[in-house]
């Protein structure tokens, strides 16, 4: 390394040149052709249901009735879920709309 550098050479080595560099101007953009998007006219088609090979289902069996310690009816509710707790809650909620007393007997996978 050369130890006989002048102050100007040291500044240029550390900070770069003090003269502004020539920066080429960016090319002017060419005007793009105007494109108008239109919505295609189509007849409304019925929505197609996705074909599922397996739908998780649980069968909830309930004993329901409107009289306390009276006649009870067995009610079966099918729920589209894997959670037994959600299936049970859904079945009880729908049974409460018609019956006063609801007792869950079983929750089984179908």
PDB file of N, CA and C in Angstrom:
ATOM      1  N   UNK A   1       0.839  -1.161   0.000  1.00  0.00           N
ATOM      2  CA  UNK A   1       0.000   0.000   0.000  1.00  0.00           C
ATOM      3  C   UNK A   1       0.890   1.231   0.000  1.00  0.00           C
ATOM      4  N   UNK A   2       0.476   2.221  -0.695  1.00  0.00           N
ATOM      5  CA  UNK A   2       1.267   3.437  -0.833  1.00  0.00           C
ATOM      6  C   UNK A   2       0.956   4.377   0.321  1.00  0.00           C
ATOM      7  N   UNK A   3       1.965   4.772   1.089  1.00  0.00           N
ATOM      8  CA  UNK A   3       1.781   5.659   2.234  1.00  0.00           C
ATOM      9  C   UNK A   3       1.877   7.125   1.839  1.00  0.00           C
ATOM     10  N   UNK A   4       2.236   7.419   0.595  1.00  0.00           N
ATOM     11  CA  UNK A   4       2.398   8.803   0.154  1.00  0.00           C
ATOM     12  C   UNK A   4       1.134   9.317  -0.530  1.00  0.00           C
ATOM     13  N   UNK A   5      -0.030   9.054   0.039  1.00  0.00           N
ATOM     14  CA  UNK A   5      -1.282   9.528  -0.559  1.00  0.00           C
ATOM     15  C   UNK A   5      -1.570  10.940  -0.111  1.00  0.00           C
ATOM     16  N   UNK A   6      -2.123  11.692  -0.998  1.00  0.00           N
ATOM     17  CA  UNK A   6      -2.510  13.051  -0.632  1.00  0.00           C
ATOM     18  C   UNK A   6      -3.852  12.996   0.073  1.00  0.00           C
ATOM     19  N   UNK A   7      -4.214  14.110   0.672  1.00  0.00           N
ATOM     20  CA  UNK A   7      -5.495  14.177   1.392  1.00  0.00           C
ATOM     21  C   UNK A   7      -6.662  13.946   0.445  1.00  0.00           C
ATOM     22  N   UNK A   8      -6.588  14.478  -0.737  1.00  0.00           N
ATOM     23  CA  UNK A   8      -7.659  14.323  -1.727  1.00  0.00           C
ATOM     24  C   UNK A   8      -7.803  12.863  -2.153  1.00  0.00           C
ATOM     25  N   UNK A   9      -6.701  12.167  -2.328  1.00  0.00           N
ATOM     26  CA  UNK A   9      -6.753  10.758  -2.710  1.00  0.00           C
ATOM     27  C   UNK A   9      -7.345   9.904  -1.587  1.00  0.00           C
ATOM     28  N   UNK A  10      -7.003  10.266  -0.307  1.00  0.00           N
ATOM     29  CA  UNK A  10      -7.563   9.538   0.838  1.00  0.00           C
ATOM     30  C   UNK A  10      -9.081   9.745   0.915  1.00  0.00           C
ATOM     31  N   UNK A  11      -9.514  10.986   0.705  1.00  0.00           N
ATOM     32  CA  UNK A  11     -10.961  11.264   0.724  1.00  0.00           C
ATOM     33  C   UNK A  11     -11.676  10.485  -0.370  1.00  0.00           C
ATOM     34  N   UNK A  12     -11.093  10.464  -1.548  1.00  0.00           N
ATOM     35  CA  UNK A  12     -11.694   9.738  -2.657  1.00  0.00           C
ATOM     36  C   UNK A  12     -11.758   8.242  -2.351  1.00  0.00           C
ATOM     37  N   UNK A  13     -10.745   7.697  -1.686  1.00  0.00           N
ATOM     38  CA  UNK A  13     -10.721   6.272  -1.355  1.00  0.00           C
ATOM     39  C   UNK A  13     -11.760   5.936  -0.294  1.00  0.00           C
ATOM     40  N   UNK A  14     -11.941   6.831   0.695  1.00  0.00           N
ATOM     41  CA  UNK A  14     -12.897   6.559   1.767  1.00  0.00           C
ATOM     42  C   UNK A  14     -14.341   6.862   1.373  1.00  0.00           C
ATOM     43  N   UNK A  15     -14.562   8.021   0.772  1.00  0.00           N
ATOM     44  CA  UNK A  15     -15.935   8.488   0.548  1.00  0.00           C
ATOM     45  C   UNK A  15     -16.352   8.464  -0.903  1.00  0.00           C
ATOM     46  N   UNK A  16     -15.514   8.098  -1.792  1.00  0.00           N
ATOM     47  CA  UNK A  16     -15.856   8.107  -3.196  1.00  0.00           C
ATOM     48  C   UNK A  16     -15.546   9.463  -3.787  1.00  0.00           C
ATOM     49  N   UNK A  17     -15.838   9.609  -5.050  1.00  0.00           N
ATOM     50  CA  UNK A  17     -15.510  10.871  -5.711  1.00  0.00           C
ATOM     51  C   UNK A  17     -16.496  11.950  -5.279  1.00  0.00           C
ATOM     52  N   UNK A  18     -16.029  13.189  -5.216  1.00  0.00           N
ATOM     53  CA  UNK A  18     -16.885  14.296  -4.803  1.00  0.00           C
ATOM     54  C   UNK A  18     -17.682  14.842  -5.960  1.00  0.00           C
ATOM     55  N   UNK A  19     -17.290  14.517  -7.179  1.00  0.00           N
ATOM     56  CA  UNK A  19     -18.026  14.974  -8.345  1.00  0.00           C
ATOM     57  C   UNK A  19     -19.244  14.074  -8.532  1.00  0.00           C
ATOM     58  N   UNK A  20     -20.413  14.666  -8.816  1.00  0.00           N
ATOM     59  CA  UNK A  20     -21.609  13.848  -9.036  1.00  0.00           C
ATOM     60  C   UNK A  20     -21.452  13.017 -10.311  1.00  0.00           C
ATOM     61  N   UNK A  21     -21.867  11.770 -10.213  1.00  0.00           N
ATOM     62  CA  UNK A  21     -21.763  10.885 -11.362  1.00  0.00           C
ATOM     63  C   UNK A  21     -22.929  11.137 -12.298  1.00  0.00           C
ATOM     64  N   UNK A  22     -22.713  10.855 -13.552  1.00  0.00           N
ATOM     65  CA  UNK A  22     -23.758  10.995 -14.559  1.00  0.00           C
ATOM     66  C   UNK A  22     -24.754   9.851 -14.399  1.00  0.00           C
ATOM     67  N   UNK A  23     -25.994  10.189 -14.158  1.00  0.00           N
ATOM     68  CA  UNK A  23     -27.037   9.173 -14.030  1.00  0.00           C
ATOM     69  C   UNK A  23     -27.890   9.258 -15.281  1.00  0.00           C
ATOM     70  N   UNK A  24     -27.998   8.156 -16.035  1.00  0.00           N
ATOM     71  CA  UNK A  24     -28.798   8.214 -17.258  1.00  0.00           C
ATOM     72  C   UNK A  24     -30.272   8.415 -16.911  1.00  0.00           C
ATOM     73  N   UNK A  25     -30.951   9.226 -17.710  1.00  0.00           N
ATOM     74  CA  UNK A  25     -32.377   9.497 -17.488  1.00  0.00           C
ATOM     75  C   UNK A  25     -33.176   8.233 -17.787  1.00  0.00           C
ATOM     76  N   UNK A  26     -34.211   7.967 -16.989  1.00  0.00           N
ATOM     77  CA  UNK A  26     -35.022   6.772 -17.259  1.00  0.00           C
ATOM     78  C   UNK A  26     -35.761   6.935 -18.586  1.00  0.00           C
ATOM     79  N   UNK A  27     -35.937   5.854 -19.292  1.00  0.00           N
ATOM     80  CA  UNK A  27     -36.622   5.948 -20.587  1.00  0.00           C
ATOM     81  C   UNK A  27     -38.074   6.377 -20.380  1.00  0.00           C
ATOM     82  N   UNK A  28     -38.569   7.150 -21.312  1.00  0.00           N
ATOM     83  CA  UNK A  28     -39.953   7.623 -21.215  1.00  0.00           C
ATOM     84  C   UNK A  28     -40.882   6.450 -21.501  1.00  0.00           C
ATOM     85  N   UNK A  29     -41.903   6.270 -20.662  1.00  0.00           N
ATOM     86  CA  UNK A  29     -42.807   5.132 -20.885  1.00  0.00           C
ATOM     87  C   UNK A  29     -43.681   5.374 -22.106  1.00  0.00           C
ATOM     88  N   UNK A  30     -43.873   4.315 -22.861  1.00  0.00           N
ATOM     89  CA  UNK A  30     -44.735   4.378 -24.031  1.00  0.00           C
ATOM     90  C   UNK A  30     -46.185   4.259 -23.569  1.00  0.00           C
ATOM     91  N   UNK A  31     -47.085   5.039 -24.117  1.00  0.00           N
ATOM     92  CA  UNK A  31     -48.490   4.936 -23.695  1.00  0.00           C
ATOM     93  C   UNK A  31     -49.049   3.562 -24.074  1.00  0.00           C
ATOM     94  N   UNK A  32     -49.671   2.933 -23.094  1.00  0.00           N
ATOM     95  CA  UNK A  32     -50.247   1.607 -23.303  1.00  0.00           C
ATOM     96  C   UNK A  32     -51.591   1.753 -23.993  1.00  0.00           C
ATOM     97  N   UNK A  33     -51.949   0.805 -24.847  1.00  0.00           N
ATOM     98  CA  UNK A  33     -53.259   0.882 -25.495  1.00  0.00           C
ATOM     99  C   UNK A  33     -54.365   0.759 -24.445  1.00  0.00           C
ATOM    100  N   UNK A  34     -55.411   1.505 -24.646  1.00  0.00           N
ATOM    101  CA  UNK A  34     -56.501   1.523 -23.671  1.00  0.00           C
ATOM    102  C   UNK A  34     -57.306   0.234 -23.771  1.00  0.00           C
ATOM    103  N   UNK A  35     -57.483  -0.433 -22.614  1.00  0.00           N
ATOM    104  CA  UNK A  35     -58.213  -1.692 -22.566  1.00  0.00           C
ATOM    105  C   UNK A  35     -59.441  -1.487 -21.696  1.00  0.00           C
ATOM    106  N   UNK A  36     -60.596  -1.875 -22.212  1.00  0.00           N
ATOM    107  CA  UNK A  36     -61.847  -1.742 -21.472  1.00  0.00           C
ATOM    108  C   UNK A  36     -62.321  -3.138 -21.120  1.00  0.00           C
ATOM    109  N   UNK A  37     -62.502  -3.377 -19.818  1.00  0.00           N
ATOM    110  CA  UNK A  37     -62.980  -4.677 -19.364  1.00  0.00           C
ATOM    111  C   UNK A  37     -64.499  -4.646 -19.282  1.00  0.00           C
ATOM    112  N   UNK A  38     -65.110  -5.638 -19.848  1.00  0.00           N
ATOM    113  CA  UNK A  38     -66.562  -5.753 -19.779  1.00  0.00           C
ATOM    114  C   UNK A  38     -66.902  -7.082 -19.130  1.00  0.00           C
ATOM    115  N   UNK A  39     -68.014  -7.097 -18.417  1.00  0.00           N
ATOM    116  CA  UNK A  39     -68.452  -8.315 -17.745  1.00  0.00           C
ATOM    117  C   UNK A  39     -69.164  -9.197 -18.775  1.00  0.00           C
ATOM    118  N   UNK A  40     -68.762 -10.451 -18.902  1.00  0.00           N
ATOM    119  CA  UNK A  40     -69.425 -11.307 -19.882  1.00  0.00           C
ATOM    120  C   UNK A  40     -70.863 -11.607 -19.451  1.00  0.00           C
ATOM    121  N   UNK A  41     -71.726 -11.615 -20.407  1.00  0.00           N
ATOM    122  CA  UNK A  41     -73.137 -11.897 -20.139  1.00  0.00           C
ATOM    123  C   UNK A  41     -73.294 -13.403 -20.068  1.00  0.00           C
ATOM    124  N   UNK A  42     -73.790 -13.885 -18.940  1.00  0.00           N
ATOM    125  CA  UNK A  42     -74.000 -15.317 -18.794  1.00  0.00           C
ATOM    126  C   UNK A  42     -75.307 -15.558 -18.062  1.00  0.00           C
ATOM    127  N   UNK A  43     -75.876 -16.696 -18.315  1.00  0.00           N
ATOM    128  CA  UNK A  43     -77.122 -17.047 -17.638  1.00  0.00           C
ATOM    129  C   UNK A  43     -76.780 -17.570 -16.252  1.00  0.00           C
ATOM    130  N   UNK A  44     -77.575 -17.230 -15.250  1.00  0.00           N
ATOM    131  CA  UNK A  44     -77.275 -17.718 -13.900  1.00  0.00           C
ATOM    132  C   UNK A  44     -77.444 -19.230 -13.844  1.00  0.00           C
ATOM    133  N   UNK A  45     -76.393 -19.899 -13.421  1.00  0.00           N
ATOM    134  CA  UNK A  45     -76.444 -21.348 -13.328  1.00  0.00           C
ATOM    135  C   UNK A  45     -76.534 -21.746 -11.858  1.00  0.00           C
ATOM    136  N   UNK A  46     -77.175 -22.847 -11.568  1.00  0.00           N
ATOM    137  CA  UNK A  46     -77.274 -23.275 -10.170  1.00  0.00           C
ATOM    138  C   UNK A  46     -75.887 -23.624  -9.649  1.00  0.00           C
ATOM    139  N   UNK A  47     -75.655 -23.274  -8.385  1.00  0.00           N
ATOM    140  CA  UNK A  47     -74.353 -23.552  -7.783  1.00  0.00           C
ATOM    141  C   UNK A  47     -74.181 -25.055  -7.622  1.00  0.00           C
ATOM    142  N   UNK A  48     -73.022 -25.503  -8.013  1.00  0.00           N
ATOM    143  CA  UNK A  48     -72.736 -26.927  -7.897  1.00  0.00           C
ATOM    144  C   UNK A  48     -72.119 -27.201  -6.542  1.00  0.00           C
ATOM    145  N   UNK A  49     -72.610 -28.213  -5.889  1.00  0.00           N
ATOM    146  CA  UNK A  49     -72.087 -28.593  -4.595  1.00  0.00           C
ATOM    147  C   UNK A  49     -70.817 -29.408  -4.801  1.00  0.00           C
ATOM    148  N   UNK A  50     -69.803 -29.106  -4.016  1.00  0.00           N
ATOM    149  CA  UNK A  50     -68.535 -29.822  -4.136  1.00  0.00           C
ATOM    150  C   UNK A  50     -68.752 -31.290  -3.772  1.00  0.00           C
ATOM    151  N   UNK A  51     -68.234 -32.137  -4.603  1.00  0.00           N
ATOM    152  CA  UNK A  51     -68.381 -33.572  -4.363  1.00  0.00           C
ATOM    153  C   UNK A  51     -67.395 -33.988  -3.281  1.00  0.00           C
ATOM    154  N   UNK A  52     -67.924 -34.352  -2.142  1.00  0.00           N
ATOM    155  CA  UNK A  52     -67.099 -34.796  -1.026  1.00  0.00           C
ATOM    156  C   UNK A  52     -67.215 -36.312  -0.943  1.00  0.00           C
ATOM    157  N   UNK A  53     -66.109 -36.972  -0.848  1.00  0.00           N
ATOM    158  CA  UNK A  53     -66.171 -38.422  -0.766  1.00  0.00           C
ATOM    159  C   UNK A  53     -66.636 -38.876   0.621  1.00  0.00           C
ATOM    160  N   UNK A  54     -66.349 -38.035   1.637  1.00  0.00           N
ATOM    161  CA  UNK A  54     -66.739 -38.407   2.997  1.00  0.00           C
ATOM    162  C   UNK A  54     -67.181 -37.168   3.751  1.00  0.00           C
ATOM    163  N   UNK A  55     -68.371 -37.224   4.293  1.00  0.00           N
ATOM    164  CA  UNK A  55     -68.866 -36.143   5.133  1.00  0.00           C
ATOM    165  C   UNK A  55     -68.875 -36.655   6.564  1.00  0.00           C
ATOM    166  N   UNK A  56     -68.176 -35.994   7.468  1.00  0.00           N
ATOM    167  CA  UNK A  56     -68.173 -36.454   8.855  1.00  0.00           C
ATOM    168  C   UNK A  56     -69.552 -36.279   9.476  1.00  0.00           C
ATOM    169  N   UNK A  57     -70.087 -37.324  10.029  1.00  0.00           N
ATOM    170  CA  UNK A  57     -71.418 -37.254  10.634  1.00  0.00           C
ATOM    171  C   UNK A  57     -71.422 -37.985  11.963  1.00  0.00           C
ATOM    172  N   UNK A  58     -72.196 -37.434  12.874  1.00  0.00           N
ATOM    173  CA  UNK A  58     -72.426 -38.077  14.161  1.00  0.00           C
ATOM    174  C   UNK A  58     -73.930 -38.203  14.365  1.00  0.00           C
ATOM    175  N   UNK A  59     -74.343 -39.297  14.961  1.00  0.00           N
ATOM    176  CA  UNK A  59     -75.763 -39.510  15.262  1.00  0.00           C
ATOM    177  C   UNK A  59     -75.952 -39.370  16.767  1.00  0.00           C
ATOM    178  N   UNK A  60     -76.816 -38.430  17.152  1.00  0.00           N
ATOM    179  CA  UNK A  60     -77.092 -38.162  18.561  1.00  0.00           C
ATOM    180  C   UNK A  60     -78.486 -38.694  18.870  1.00  0.00           C
ATOM    181  N   UNK A  61     -78.576 -39.524  19.886  1.00  0.00           N
ATOM    182  CA  UNK A  61     -79.859 -40.072  20.313  1.00  0.00           C
ATOM    183  C   UNK A  61     -80.284 -39.354  21.590  1.00  0.00           C
ATOM    184  N   UNK A  62     -81.522 -38.842  21.592  1.00  0.00           N
ATOM    185  CA  UNK A  62     -82.052 -38.073  22.723  1.00  0.00           C
ATOM    186  C   UNK A  62     -83.353 -38.685  23.209  1.00  0.00           C
ATOM    187  N   UNK A  63     -83.622 -38.520  24.470  1.00  0.00           N
ATOM    188  CA  UNK A  63     -84.933 -38.838  25.033  1.00  0.00           C
ATOM    189  C   UNK A  63     -85.580 -37.499  25.375  1.00  0.00           C
ATOM    190  N   UNK A  64     -86.736 -37.220  24.784  1.00  0.00           N
ATOM    191  CA  UNK A  64     -87.370 -35.911  24.950  1.00  0.00           C
ATOM    192  C   UNK A  64     -88.811 -36.082  25.411  1.00  0.00           C
ATOM    193  N   UNK A  65     -89.311 -35.045  26.061  1.00  0.00           N
ATOM    194  CA  UNK A  65     -90.702 -35.046  26.505  1.00  0.00           C
ATOM    195  C   UNK A  65     -91.092 -33.691  27.049  1.00  0.00           C
ATOM    196  N   UNK A  66     -92.391 -33.494  27.216  1.00  0.00           N
ATOM    197  CA  UNK A  66     -92.893 -32.228  27.736  1.00  0.00           C
ATOM    198  C   UNK A  66     -93.405 -32.352  29.168  1.00  0.00           C
ATOM    199  N   UNK A  67     -93.480 -33.550  29.700  1.00  0.00           N
ATOM    200  CA  UNK A  67     -93.948 -33.752  31.066  1.00  0.00           C
ATOM    201  C   UNK A  67     -92.800 -34.258  31.930  1.00  0.00           C
ATOM    202  N   UNK A  68     -92.709 -33.743  33.179  1.00  0.00           N
ATOM    203  CA  UNK A  68     -91.670 -34.182  34.090  1.00  0.00           C
ATOM    204  C   UNK A  68     -91.969 -35.599  34.527  1.00  0.00           C
ATOM    205  N   UNK A  69     -91.034 -36.512  34.346  1.00  0.00           N
ATOM    206  CA  UNK A  69     -91.179 -37.937  34.636  1.00  0.00           C
ATOM    207  C   UNK A  69     -92.406 -38.518  33.957  1.00  0.00           C
ATOM    208  N   UNK A  70     -92.711 -38.007  32.779  1.00  0.00           N
ATOM    209  CA  UNK A  70     -93.845 -38.514  32.007  1.00  0.00           C
ATOM    210  C   UNK A  70     -93.351 -39.317  30.817  1.00  0.00           C
ATOM    211  N   UNK A  71     -94.181 -39.376  29.811  1.00  0.00           N
ATOM    212  CA  UNK A  71     -93.855 -40.139  28.609  1.00  0.00           C
ATOM    213  C   UNK A  71     -92.678 -39.472  27.887  1.00  0.00           C
ATOM    214  N   UNK A  72     -91.657 -40.270  27.561  1.00  0.00           N
ATOM    215  CA  UNK A  72     -90.479 -39.772  26.846  1.00  0.00           C
ATOM    216  C   UNK A  72     -90.435 -40.403  25.456  1.00  0.00           C
ATOM    217  N   UNK A  73     -89.999 -39.617  24.493  1.00  0.00           N
ATOM    218  CA  UNK A  73     -89.901 -40.063  23.103  1.00  0.00           C
ATOM    219  C   UNK A  73     -88.423 -40.085  22.714  1.00  0.00           C
ATOM    220  N   UNK A  74     -88.033 -41.104  21.962  1.00  0.00           N
ATOM    221  CA  UNK A  74     -86.650 -41.163  21.475  1.00  0.00           C
ATOM    222  C   UNK A  74     -86.550 -40.352  20.184  1.00  0.00           C
ATOM    223  N   UNK A  75     -85.571 -39.464  20.151  1.00  0.00           N
ATOM    224  CA  UNK A  75     -85.367 -38.589  18.999  1.00  0.00           C
ATOM    225  C   UNK A  75     -83.936 -38.782  18.518  1.00  0.00           C
ATOM    226  N   UNK A  76     -83.733 -38.883  17.189  1.00  0.00           N
ATOM    227  CA  UNK A  76     -82.409 -39.066  16.606  1.00  0.00           C
ATOM    228  C   UNK A  76     -82.068 -37.825  15.785  1.00  0.00           C
ATOM    229  N   UNK A  77     -80.873 -37.285  16.025  1.00  0.00           N
ATOM    230  CA  UNK A  77     -80.410 -36.098  15.300  1.00  0.00           C
ATOM    231  C   UNK A  77     -79.068 -36.412  14.660  1.00  0.00           C
ATOM    232  N   UNK A  78     -78.935 -36.118  13.346  1.00  0.00           N
ATOM    233  CA  UNK A  78     -77.672 -36.318  12.637  1.00  0.00           C
ATOM    234  C   UNK A  78     -76.979 -34.972  12.500  1.00  0.00           C
ATOM    235  N   UNK A  79     -75.712 -34.903  12.933  1.00  0.00           N
ATOM    236  CA  UNK A  79     -74.931 -33.666  12.883  1.00  0.00           C
ATOM    237  C   UNK A  79     -73.757 -33.843  11.935  1.00  0.00           C
ATOM    238  N   UNK A  80     -73.470 -32.806  11.143  1.00  0.00           N
ATOM    239  CA  UNK A  80     -72.358 -32.833  10.188  1.00  0.00           C
ATOM    240  C   UNK A  80     -71.099 -32.254  10.822  1.00  0.00           C
ATOM    241  N   UNK A  81     -70.554 -32.934  11.785  1.00  0.00           N
ATOM    242  CA  UNK A  81     -69.341 -32.477  12.459  1.00  0.00           C
ATOM    243  C   UNK A  81     -68.602 -33.672  13.042  1.00  0.00           C
ATOM    244  N   UNK A  82     -67.352 -33.482  13.354  1.00  0.00           N
ATOM    245  CA  UNK A  82     -66.577 -34.539  14.006  1.00  0.00           C
ATOM    246  C   UNK A  82     -66.557 -34.372  15.519  1.00  0.00           C
ATOM    247  N   UNK A  83     -66.938 -33.197  15.994  1.00  0.00           N
ATOM    248  CA  UNK A  83     -66.909 -32.912  17.417  1.00  0.00           C
ATOM    249  C   UNK A  83     -68.180 -33.431  18.078  1.00  0.00           C
ATOM    250  N   UNK A  84     -68.020 -34.336  19.026  1.00  0.00           N
ATOM    251  CA  UNK A  84     -69.191 -34.893  19.701  1.00  0.00           C
ATOM    252  C   UNK A  84     -69.861 -33.839  20.582  1.00  0.00           C
ATOM    253  N   UNK A  85     -69.064 -32.930  21.133  1.00  0.00           N
ATOM    254  CA  UNK A  85     -69.633 -31.869  21.964  1.00  0.00           C
ATOM    255  C   UNK A  85     -70.505 -30.933  21.129  1.00  0.00           C
ATOM    256  N   UNK A  86     -70.011 -30.529  19.956  1.00  0.00           N
ATOM    257  CA  UNK A  86     -70.808 -29.663  19.083  1.00  0.00           C
ATOM    258  C   UNK A  86     -72.060 -30.373  18.587  1.00  0.00           C
ATOM    259  N   UNK A  87     -71.934 -31.650  18.268  1.00  0.00           N
ATOM    260  CA  UNK A  87     -73.088 -32.421  17.807  1.00  0.00           C
ATOM    261  C   UNK A  87     -74.142 -32.509  18.902  1.00  0.00           C
ATOM    262  N   UNK A  88     -73.700 -32.747  20.130  1.00  0.00           N
ATOM    263  CA  UNK A  88     -74.623 -32.828  21.263  1.00  0.00           C
ATOM    264  C   UNK A  88     -75.321 -31.490  21.500  1.00  0.00           C
ATOM    265  N   UNK A  89     -74.549 -30.400  21.469  1.00  0.00           N
ATOM    266  CA  UNK A  89     -75.135 -29.069  21.687  1.00  0.00           C
ATOM    267  C   UNK A  89     -76.146 -28.720  20.601  1.00  0.00           C
ATOM    268  N   UNK A  90     -75.813 -29.055  19.353  1.00  0.00           N
ATOM    269  CA  UNK A  90     -76.712 -28.771  18.240  1.00  0.00           C
ATOM    270  C   UNK A  90     -78.009 -29.557  18.367  1.00  0.00           C
ATOM    271  N   UNK A  91     -77.908 -30.821  18.766  1.00  0.00           N
ATOM    272  CA  UNK A  91     -79.088 -31.670  18.914  1.00  0.00           C
ATOM    273  C   UNK A  91     -79.981 -31.175  20.046  1.00  0.00           C
ATOM    274  N   UNK A  92     -79.378 -30.810  21.174  1.00  0.00           N
ATOM    275  CA  UNK A  92     -80.158 -30.311  22.315  1.00  0.00           C
ATOM    276  C   UNK A  92     -80.839 -28.994  21.956  1.00  0.00           C
ATOM    277  N   UNK A  93     -80.133 -28.142  21.230  1.00  0.00           N
ATOM    278  CA  UNK A  93     -80.688 -26.842  20.843  1.00  0.00           C
ATOM    279  C   UNK A  93     -81.917 -27.008  19.952  1.00  0.00           C
ATOM    280  N   UNK A  94     -81.844 -27.922  18.989  1.00  0.00           N
ATOM    281  CA  UNK A  94     -82.992 -28.133  18.111  1.00  0.00           C
ATOM    282  C   UNK A  94     -84.139 -28.828  18.850  1.00  0.00           C
ATOM    283  N   UNK A  95     -83.821 -29.725  19.793  1.00  0.00           N
ATOM    284  CA  UNK A  95     -84.876 -30.422  20.532  1.00  0.00           C
ATOM    285  C   UNK A  95     -85.584 -29.480  21.505  1.00  0.00           C
ATOM    286  N   UNK A  96     -84.863 -28.506  22.062  1.00  0.00           N
ATOM    287  CA  UNK A  96     -85.458 -27.559  23.024  1.00  0.00           C
ATOM    288  C   UNK A  96     -86.514 -26.669  22.376  1.00  0.00           C
ATOM    289  N   UNK A  97     -86.482 -26.547  21.056  1.00  0.00           N
ATOM    290  CA  UNK A  97     -87.481 -25.723  20.379  1.00  0.00           C
ATOM    291  C   UNK A  97     -88.886 -26.322  20.519  1.00  0.00           C
ATOM    292  N   UNK A  98     -88.946 -27.660  20.621  1.00  0.00           N
ATOM    293  CA  UNK A  98     -90.246 -28.323  20.666  1.00  0.00           C
ATOM    294  C   UNK A  98     -90.536 -29.006  22.003  1.00  0.00           C
ATOM    295  N   UNK A  99     -89.485 -29.443  22.690  1.00  0.00           N
ATOM    296  CA  UNK A  99     -89.662 -30.199  23.924  1.00  0.00           C
ATOM    297  C   UNK A  99     -89.040 -29.480  25.111  1.00  0.00           C
ATOM    298  N   UNK A 100     -89.628 -29.684  26.283  1.00  0.00           N
ATOM    299  CA  UNK A 100     -89.156 -29.013  27.489  1.00  0.00           C
ATOM    300  C   UNK A 100     -88.028 -29.778  28.163  1.00  0.00           C
ATOM    301  N   UNK A 101     -88.136 -31.093  28.227  1.00  0.00           N
ATOM    302  CA  UNK A 101     -87.143 -31.922  28.902  1.00  0.00           C
ATOM    303  C   UNK A 101     -86.365 -32.728  27.863  1.00  0.00           C
ATOM    304  N   UNK A 102     -85.036 -32.566  27.882  1.00  0.00           N
ATOM    305  CA  UNK A 102     -84.170 -33.230  26.898  1.00  0.00           C
ATOM    306  C   UNK A 102     -83.046 -33.940  27.639  1.00  0.00           C
ATOM    307  N   UNK A 103     -82.836 -35.215  27.300  1.00  0.00           N
ATOM    308  CA  UNK A 103     -81.762 -36.001  27.908  1.00  0.00           C
ATOM    309  C   UNK A 103     -80.976 -36.684  26.788  1.00  0.00           C
ATOM    310  N   UNK A 104     -79.650 -36.514  26.788  1.00  0.00           N
ATOM    311  CA  UNK A 104     -78.812 -37.126  25.773  1.00  0.00           C
ATOM    312  C   UNK A 104     -78.538 -38.567  26.160  1.00  0.00           C
ATOM    313  N   UNK A 105     -78.820 -39.491  25.243  1.00  0.00           N
ATOM    314  CA  UNK A 105     -78.600 -40.918  25.493  1.00  0.00           C
ATOM    315  C   UNK A 105     -77.238 -41.340  24.949  1.00  0.00           C
ATOM    316  N   UNK A 106     -76.955 -41.017  23.695  1.00  0.00           N
ATOM    317  CA  UNK A 106     -75.672 -41.427  23.101  1.00  0.00           C
ATOM    318  C   UNK A 106     -75.296 -40.525  21.944  1.00  0.00           C
ATOM    319  N   UNK A 107     -73.979 -40.508  21.655  1.00  0.00           N
ATOM    320  CA  UNK A 107     -73.426 -39.824  20.497  1.00  0.00           C
ATOM    321  C   UNK A 107     -72.530 -40.835  19.792  1.00  0.00           C
ATOM    322  N   UNK A 108     -72.938 -41.252  18.577  1.00  0.00           N
ATOM    323  CA  UNK A 108     -72.194 -42.281  17.872  1.00  0.00           C
ATOM    324  C   UNK A 108     -71.793 -41.775  16.482  1.00  0.00           C
ATOM    325  N   UNK A 109     -70.659 -42.279  16.000  1.00  0.00           N
ATOM    326  CA  UNK A 109     -70.187 -41.960  14.658  1.00  0.00           C
ATOM    327  C   UNK A 109     -70.946 -42.792  13.649  1.00  0.00           C
ATOM    328  N   UNK A 110     -71.223 -42.193  12.505  1.00  0.00           N
ATOM    329  CA  UNK A 110     -71.944 -42.924  11.447  1.00  0.00           C
ATOM    330  C   UNK A 110     -70.981 -43.419  10.406  1.00  0.00           C
TER     331      UNK A 110
END
